[in-house]
Amino acid sequence: MRILHVYAQLDPAQGGPPIVVENLTKAQIKLGHDVRVAAEIVRGFDSVPTQKLLQHTAWSLFARPRPEDLSVVSSADVVHLHGVWEPVLPCLARAARIVGRPYVVSPHGMLDPWSLSQKAWKKKLALSLGYRRMLNQAGAIHVLNADEQNLILPLNFSAPLDVIPIGISFDQFDPLPSPIPFQNVTPGPGQRPFILFVSRLHSKKGLDYLADAFAKIAPQYPEYDLVVAGPDGGEQGPFQRQIEKLGLSRRVWIVGFLPDDMKRSAMAAATAFCLPSRQEGFSMAILEAMACQLPVVISDQCHFPEVAEVGAGQIVPLDANAVAKALESVLSNAAERTRMGNAGRELVKSRYTWPKVAEQFLALYRRLAPGAGKLK
């Protein structure tokens, strides 16, 4: 089967969706399919076949389809669009409709109420100018979990909603990574135990809740530090000022973007993982932390109820006191941490690996294009 994935910016510093696109592409190639990725910006994605697209703007929505757009979609049996709000996506959706190719849209959490409330008037306008049509006429809208499905239903799109999670490459976590490379990073916590946050430093990630929660438990756990890892998404400065105001600068390490190997080492060195997000589609960092046998403390807005179902950590409301109480519970009981870590690792291994996820997407594609290619 010939599969085309489309995303505006293939850049690992952009966070989760580009990593999802890369790993889903690699998994589908391993299953024997002809898979490419088309994007307007491509950085650091040498591991998958890519095709650079010309820049699209809002005015592109009103112009005739570009010949190159028609060409790129006509060479595929199925087109998989990732994201919502970039002009390239409705433009290629229109091209796919013209040449008779089915397409799937993966919003990656961009249609939940919190996301829609950001620059709300622009998104309402965009929906009226072609984005709603892109979604309505999709063969399917891919949602990451039942929570996202329920949040999108009130928008009344015509396309069916298909629930498929994302995954990780479990072989990167088996055997477990070594903590030593990260412990040798300078500046850093060294041998001191720490709580780990991994994500973009963006306002939606709840760093303000994390800072306040850590301030509440810091006196009781003077041996623990906090490590914040990830590229700056506009919140690093405010977070640093908050930490300074709380008097915690000597115990909080902002280490920036970590390459995959170092990120896994940091997870192996950590005592617990915390992500008190205001909004998540489906966090790969949570999966990776659980694969490293870390107990996790996450907000209910991470939309990952399986964590509580299997006892892999604690899910809390968006409240600094609740986050602090959960962290205190995890740090105070080593045996419970071990049990949580084992439960999380088994959950990831059984449900959330890329081969399993890739097969689910292929079943969806086959339903949309039953006569396409050599179906594996």
Protein backbone atom coordinates (compact mmCIF):
# COMPACT_ATOMS: atom_id res chain seq x y z
CA MET A 1 0.00 0.00 0.00
CA ARG A 2 1.24 3.50 -0.85
CA ILE A 3 0.80 5.81 2.14
CA LEU A 4 1.48 9.54 2.33
CA HIS A 5 1.78 11.28 5.70
CA VAL A 6 1.51 15.08 5.71
CA TYR A 7 2.60 17.48 8.44
CA ALA A 8 3.56 21.15 8.20
CA GLN A 9 6.88 21.10 10.10
CA LEU A 10 8.90 17.95 10.55
CA ASP A 11 11.12 19.16 13.36
CA PRO A 12 11.73 17.12 16.55
CA ALA A 13 11.83 20.37 18.55
CA GLN A 14 8.14 20.87 17.71
CA GLY A 15 7.13 18.16 20.16
CA GLY A 16 4.98 15.06 19.83
CA PRO A 17 3.27 15.04 16.39
CA PRO A 18 6.47 15.04 14.29
CA ILE A 19 7.84 12.18 16.40
CA VAL A 20 4.56 10.30 15.92
CA VAL A 21 4.76 10.83 12.15
CA GLU A 22 8.37 9.61 12.02
CA ASN A 23 7.81 6.48 14.09
CA LEU A 24 4.51 5.54 12.48
CA THR A 25 6.17 5.89 9.07
CA LYS A 26 9.09 3.67 10.07
CA ALA A 27 6.77 1.04 11.55
CA GLN A 28 4.64 0.91 8.39
CA ILE A 29 7.74 0.65 6.20
CA LYS A 30 8.91 -2.31 8.29
CA LEU A 31 5.56 -3.97 7.60
CA GLY A 32 6.35 -3.81 3.88
CA HIS A 33 4.50 -0.72 2.69
CA ASP A 34 5.60 2.21 0.51
CA VAL A 35 5.43 5.18 2.91
CA ARG A 36 6.55 8.79 2.50
CA VAL A 37 6.22 12.01 4.48
CA ALA A 38 5.50 15.38 2.87
CA ALA A 39 6.12 18.61 4.77
CA GLU A 40 6.88 22.27 4.20
CA ILE A 41 9.78 22.27 6.67
CA VAL A 42 11.99 19.21 7.23
CA ARG A 43 14.71 19.17 9.90
CA GLY A 44 16.44 16.15 11.38
CA PHE A 45 14.27 13.46 9.80
CA ASP A 46 16.79 11.56 7.71
CA SER A 47 15.45 8.20 8.89
CA VAL A 48 12.28 8.35 6.75
CA PRO A 49 11.63 9.22 3.07
CA THR A 50 10.53 12.86 2.92
CA GLN A 51 9.29 15.24 0.25
CA LYS A 52 9.44 19.01 0.71
CA LEU A 53 6.30 20.95 -0.14
CA LEU A 54 6.06 24.57 -1.16
CA GLN A 55 4.80 26.91 1.54
CA HIS A 56 1.02 27.27 1.78
CA THR A 57 -0.73 30.32 3.23
CA ALA A 58 -4.31 31.16 4.09
CA TRP A 59 -4.68 32.55 0.56
CA SER A 60 -3.91 29.07 -0.79
CA LEU A 61 -7.39 28.03 0.35
CA PHE A 62 -8.93 30.27 -2.32
CA ALA A 63 -6.55 29.44 -5.17
CA ARG A 64 -6.68 26.60 -7.67
CA PRO A 65 -4.93 23.44 -6.41
CA ARG A 66 -1.24 23.45 -7.20
CA PRO A 67 -0.07 20.84 -9.71
CA GLU A 68 2.53 19.59 -7.21
CA ASP A 69 -0.19 19.07 -4.58
CA LEU A 70 -2.27 17.03 -7.01
CA SER A 71 0.83 15.05 -8.00
CA VAL A 72 1.95 14.21 -4.49
CA VAL A 73 -1.46 12.93 -3.35
CA SER A 74 -2.17 11.05 -6.59
CA SER A 75 0.98 8.96 -6.01
CA ALA A 76 -0.54 7.55 -2.79
CA ASP A 77 -3.39 5.15 -2.09
CA VAL A 78 -4.20 6.83 1.22
CA VAL A 79 -3.27 10.27 2.57
CA HIS A 80 -2.84 10.77 6.32
CA LEU A 81 -2.97 14.42 7.45
CA HIS A 82 -1.55 15.29 10.87
CA GLY A 83 -2.73 18.39 12.74
CA VAL A 84 -5.53 20.81 11.90
CA TRP A 85 -4.65 24.49 11.66
CA GLU A 86 -1.92 24.64 9.00
CA PRO A 87 -3.08 25.75 5.51
CA VAL A 88 -1.19 22.90 3.85
CA LEU A 89 -3.64 20.39 5.35
CA PRO A 90 -6.95 21.59 3.84
CA CYS A 91 -5.10 22.29 0.59
CA LEU A 92 -3.88 18.70 0.31
CA ALA A 93 -7.24 17.41 1.51
CA ARG A 94 -8.87 19.29 -1.39
CA ALA A 95 -6.27 17.85 -3.78
CA ALA A 96 -6.98 14.35 -2.48
CA ARG A 97 -10.70 14.81 -3.06
CA ILE A 98 -10.07 16.00 -6.62
CA VAL A 99 -7.92 12.98 -7.54
CA GLY A 100 -10.13 10.55 -5.64
CA ARG A 101 -7.82 9.56 -2.79
CA PRO A 102 -9.24 8.88 0.70
CA TYR A 103 -7.65 10.71 3.59
CA VAL A 104 -7.46 10.49 7.36
CA VAL A 105 -7.05 13.48 9.70
CA SER A 106 -5.25 13.11 13.04
CA PRO A 107 -5.92 16.30 15.06
CA HIS A 108 -3.41 15.33 17.81
CA GLY A 109 -5.51 17.05 20.48
CA MET A 110 -5.96 20.28 18.50
CA LEU A 111 -9.76 20.09 18.59
CA ASP A 112 -10.32 19.70 22.30
CA PRO A 113 -11.97 22.60 24.20
CA TRP A 114 -8.73 23.98 25.66
CA SER A 115 -7.03 24.10 22.28
CA LEU A 116 -10.07 25.64 20.61
CA SER A 117 -10.16 28.34 23.29
CA GLN A 118 -6.70 29.55 22.27
CA LYS A 119 -7.13 32.26 19.58
CA ALA A 120 -10.74 31.08 19.43
CA TRP A 121 -11.99 33.61 16.87
CA LYS A 122 -9.25 32.67 14.40
CA LYS A 123 -10.15 29.00 14.68
CA LYS A 124 -13.86 29.67 14.23
CA LEU A 125 -13.03 31.65 11.11
CA ALA A 126 -10.70 28.92 9.86
CA LEU A 127 -13.39 26.27 10.27
CA SER A 128 -15.72 28.34 8.13
CA LEU A 129 -13.06 28.86 5.44
CA GLY A 130 -12.32 25.24 4.60
CA TYR A 131 -11.07 23.46 7.68
CA ARG A 132 -14.50 22.11 8.63
CA ARG A 133 -14.90 20.81 5.09
CA MET A 134 -11.51 19.08 5.38
CA LEU A 135 -12.71 17.34 8.55
CA ASN A 136 -16.24 16.58 7.36
CA GLN A 137 -15.07 14.93 4.15
CA ALA A 138 -12.29 12.86 5.68
CA GLY A 139 -12.59 9.11 5.45
CA ALA A 140 -11.99 9.15 9.20
CA ILE A 141 -10.92 11.48 11.97
CA HIS A 142 -8.35 9.69 14.09
CA VAL A 143 -8.63 10.31 17.84
CA LEU A 144 -6.14 9.11 20.39
CA ASN A 145 -8.47 7.93 23.14
CA ALA A 146 -12.09 7.85 24.29
CA ASP A 147 -11.70 11.19 26.08
CA GLU A 148 -10.67 12.94 22.86
CA GLN A 149 -13.54 11.25 21.05
CA ASN A 150 -16.06 12.59 23.58
CA LEU A 151 -14.55 16.08 23.43
CA ILE A 152 -14.82 16.20 19.63
CA LEU A 153 -18.36 14.78 19.32
CA PRO A 154 -20.10 18.11 20.12
CA LEU A 155 -18.40 19.66 17.07
CA ASN A 156 -20.68 17.49 14.89
CA PHE A 157 -18.26 16.57 12.13
CA SER A 158 -19.65 14.28 9.44
CA ALA A 159 -16.61 11.99 9.33
CA PRO A 160 -16.48 8.92 11.58
CA LEU A 161 -14.16 8.99 14.59
CA ASP A 162 -11.67 6.12 14.93
CA VAL A 163 -9.82 5.58 18.21
CA ILE A 164 -6.19 4.45 17.82
CA PRO A 165 -3.46 5.25 20.38
CA ILE A 166 0.13 6.15 19.63
CA GLY A 167 3.09 4.03 20.63
CA ILE A 168 6.79 3.81 21.34
CA SER A 169 9.64 1.63 20.13
CA PHE A 170 9.83 -0.70 23.11
CA ASP A 171 13.16 -2.18 22.02
CA GLN A 172 14.72 1.18 22.97
CA PHE A 173 13.69 0.47 26.57
CA ASP A 174 14.57 -3.21 26.74
CA PRO A 175 16.92 -3.61 28.47
CA LEU A 176 16.27 -0.57 30.62
CA PRO A 177 18.47 2.43 29.78
CA SER A 178 21.43 3.32 31.98
CA PRO A 179 21.06 6.32 34.31
CA ILE A 180 24.80 7.04 34.22
CA PRO A 181 25.00 9.28 31.10
CA PHE A 182 22.45 11.71 32.52
CA GLN A 183 23.95 11.60 36.02
CA ASN A 184 27.23 12.77 34.46
CA VAL A 185 25.61 15.80 32.78
CA THR A 186 26.94 19.11 34.09
CA PRO A 187 25.21 21.20 35.29
CA GLY A 188 22.67 18.75 36.61
CA PRO A 189 21.50 16.91 39.73
CA GLY A 190 24.32 14.36 39.61
CA GLN A 191 23.62 11.52 42.02
CA ARG A 192 20.79 13.32 43.82
CA PRO A 193 17.30 11.81 43.36
CA PHE A 194 14.88 13.89 41.35
CA ILE A 195 11.39 14.27 39.95
CA LEU A 196 11.39 14.55 36.15
CA PHE A 197 9.29 16.65 33.79
CA VAL A 198 9.75 16.07 30.03
CA SER A 199 7.84 18.12 27.48
CA ARG A 200 7.90 21.43 25.65
CA LEU A 201 8.11 24.33 28.08
CA HIS A 202 4.73 25.68 27.02
CA SER A 203 1.96 27.26 29.06
CA LYS A 204 -0.36 24.31 28.47
CA LYS A 205 2.07 21.90 30.13
CA GLY A 206 1.31 23.15 33.65
CA LEU A 207 4.80 24.19 34.71
CA ASP A 208 3.26 26.76 37.07
CA TYR A 209 1.38 23.96 38.86
CA LEU A 210 4.56 21.89 38.96
CA ALA A 211 6.60 24.72 40.50
CA ASP A 212 4.02 25.37 43.21
CA ALA A 213 3.64 21.65 43.95
CA PHE A 214 7.39 21.16 44.25
CA ALA A 215 7.59 24.17 46.59
CA LYS A 216 5.03 22.49 48.84
CA ILE A 217 6.96 19.22 49.18
CA ALA A 218 10.52 20.58 48.98
CA PRO A 219 10.94 21.18 52.75
CA GLN A 220 9.74 17.66 53.56
CA TYR A 221 12.01 16.06 50.93
CA PRO A 222 15.23 18.10 50.99
CA GLU A 223 17.16 15.34 49.22
CA TYR A 224 15.03 15.64 46.04
CA ASP A 225 15.55 17.96 43.09
CA LEU A 226 13.33 18.74 40.11
CA VAL A 227 14.58 18.31 36.54
CA VAL A 228 12.72 20.05 33.72
CA ALA A 229 13.68 18.82 30.25
CA GLY A 230 12.41 19.99 26.88
CA PRO A 231 12.70 22.80 24.32
CA ASP A 232 11.42 26.24 25.26
CA GLY A 233 7.90 26.85 24.01
CA GLY A 234 7.64 30.31 25.55
CA GLU A 235 7.33 29.34 29.21
CA GLN A 236 10.96 28.91 30.28
CA GLY A 237 11.37 32.54 31.35
CA PRO A 238 8.16 32.70 33.44
CA PHE A 239 8.97 29.31 35.00
CA GLN A 240 12.49 30.41 35.94
CA ARG A 241 11.12 33.58 37.55
CA GLN A 242 8.55 31.55 39.48
CA ILE A 243 11.24 29.17 40.74
CA GLU A 244 13.42 32.09 41.82
CA LYS A 245 10.52 33.69 43.65
CA LEU A 246 9.87 30.41 45.45
CA GLY A 247 13.53 30.18 46.49
CA LEU A 248 14.11 26.88 44.67
CA SER A 249 16.74 27.83 42.10
CA ARG A 250 19.37 25.56 43.65
CA ARG A 251 17.10 22.53 43.44
CA VAL A 252 15.56 22.94 39.98
CA TRP A 253 17.52 22.03 36.85
CA ILE A 254 16.30 23.25 33.46
CA VAL A 255 18.30 21.11 31.06
CA GLY A 256 16.71 21.96 27.70
CA PHE A 257 16.00 19.59 24.83
CA LEU A 258 17.48 16.13 25.38
CA PRO A 259 18.33 13.78 22.49
CA ASP A 260 16.48 10.49 22.72
CA ASP A 261 19.32 8.51 24.32
CA MET A 262 19.89 11.16 26.98
CA LYS A 263 16.15 11.54 27.60
CA ARG A 264 15.86 7.82 28.26
CA SER A 265 18.87 8.01 30.57
CA ALA A 266 17.21 10.85 32.48
CA MET A 267 14.09 8.73 32.89
CA ALA A 268 16.18 5.82 34.12
CA ALA A 269 17.83 8.10 36.69
CA ALA A 270 14.61 9.72 37.94
CA THR A 271 12.50 8.64 40.90
CA ALA A 272 9.15 9.79 39.50
CA PHE A 273 7.71 11.51 36.44
CA CYS A 274 5.27 14.43 36.63
CA LEU A 275 3.26 16.11 33.85
CA PRO A 276 0.43 18.34 35.20
CA SER A 277 -0.76 19.48 31.76
CA ARG A 278 -3.71 21.71 31.03
CA GLN A 279 -4.17 19.78 27.79
CA GLU A 280 -2.66 16.71 26.13
CA GLY A 281 -3.71 14.71 23.12
CA PHE A 282 -1.65 11.66 24.03
CA SER A 283 1.73 12.18 25.65
CA MET A 284 4.60 10.10 24.35
CA ALA A 285 6.65 11.25 27.34
CA ILE A 286 4.21 9.47 29.67
CA LEU A 287 4.57 6.26 27.64
CA GLU A 288 8.36 6.55 27.68
CA ALA A 289 8.45 7.21 31.42
CA MET A 290 6.32 4.14 32.11
CA ALA A 291 8.50 2.07 29.78
CA CYS A 292 11.40 3.11 32.03
CA GLN A 293 9.47 1.79 35.06
CA LEU A 294 8.83 5.27 36.41
CA PRO A 295 5.70 5.90 38.49
CA VAL A 296 3.84 8.82 36.93
CA VAL A 297 1.85 11.71 38.38
CA ILE A 298 -0.26 13.31 35.68
CA SER A 299 -3.25 15.62 35.41
CA ASP A 300 -6.68 14.41 34.37
CA GLN A 301 -6.25 16.60 31.28
CA CYS A 302 -3.60 14.18 30.01
CA HIS A 303 -6.53 11.88 29.14
CA PHE A 304 -4.78 8.67 30.13
CA PRO A 305 -7.18 6.82 32.47
CA GLU A 306 -5.29 3.55 31.96
CA VAL A 307 -2.64 4.88 34.36
CA ALA A 308 -5.14 4.67 37.20
CA GLU A 309 -6.77 1.49 35.90
CA VAL A 310 -3.54 -0.52 36.14
CA GLY A 311 -2.09 1.39 39.10
CA ALA A 312 0.89 2.84 37.21
CA GLY A 313 0.71 6.17 39.01
CA GLN A 314 -1.72 8.84 40.11
CA ILE A 315 -4.09 11.05 38.10
CA VAL A 316 -4.94 14.35 39.75
CA PRO A 317 -7.01 17.45 38.98
CA LEU A 318 -5.30 20.65 37.88
CA ASP A 319 -4.43 21.86 41.34
CA ALA A 320 -1.00 22.39 42.90
CA ASN A 321 -2.12 20.90 46.23
CA ALA A 322 -3.37 17.76 44.49
CA VAL A 323 -0.14 17.41 42.50
CA ALA A 324 1.92 17.90 45.68
CA LYS A 325 -0.11 15.33 47.60
CA ALA A 326 0.31 12.76 44.81
CA LEU A 327 4.07 13.38 44.58
CA GLU A 328 4.38 13.07 48.35
CA SER A 329 2.52 9.75 48.24
CA VAL A 330 4.84 8.41 45.53
CA LEU A 331 8.09 9.63 47.12
CA SER A 332 7.20 8.28 50.56
CA ASN A 333 6.77 4.62 49.56
CA ALA A 334 9.58 2.85 47.69
CA ALA A 335 7.70 -0.46 47.46
CA GLU A 336 4.68 1.26 45.92
CA ARG A 337 6.93 3.05 43.46
CA THR A 338 8.32 -0.29 42.33
CA ARG A 339 4.84 -1.77 41.94
CA MET A 340 3.66 1.27 39.95
CA GLY A 341 6.73 1.17 37.74
CA ASN A 342 6.26 -2.50 36.91
CA ALA A 343 2.57 -1.98 36.16
CA GLY A 344 3.30 0.93 33.82
CA ARG A 345 6.01 -0.92 31.93
CA GLU A 346 3.73 -3.91 31.37
CA LEU A 347 0.90 -1.62 30.20
CA VAL A 348 3.13 -0.02 27.57
CA LYS A 349 4.56 -3.33 26.39
CA SER A 350 1.13 -4.91 26.00
CA ARG A 351 -0.75 -2.05 24.28
CA TYR A 352 1.41 0.83 23.13
CA THR A 353 4.19 -0.29 20.78
CA TRP A 354 4.57 0.97 17.22
CA PRO A 355 4.06 -2.41 15.49
CA LYS A 356 0.70 -2.81 17.26
CA VAL A 357 -0.31 0.78 16.48
CA ALA A 358 0.83 0.58 12.84
CA GLU A 359 -1.34 -2.50 12.26
CA GLN A 360 -4.38 -0.65 13.59
CA PHE A 361 -3.79 2.23 11.18
CA LEU A 362 -3.29 -0.18 8.29
CA ALA A 363 -6.67 -1.77 9.08
CA LEU A 364 -8.22 1.70 8.90
CA TYR A 365 -6.51 2.47 5.58
CA ARG A 366 -7.67 -0.82 4.10
CA ARG A 367 -11.23 0.01 5.02
CA LEU A 368 -10.94 3.34 3.19
CA ALA A 369 -9.04 1.99 0.16
CA PRO A 370 -9.94 -1.72 -0.02
CA GLY A 371 -8.36 -2.29 -3.45
CA ALA A 372 -5.11 -0.43 -2.84
CA GLY A 373 -1.73 -1.99 -3.55
CA LYS A 374 -0.54 -5.27 -2.18
CA LEU A 375 -2.27 -5.46 1.17
CA LYS A 376 -0.11 -7.04 3.82
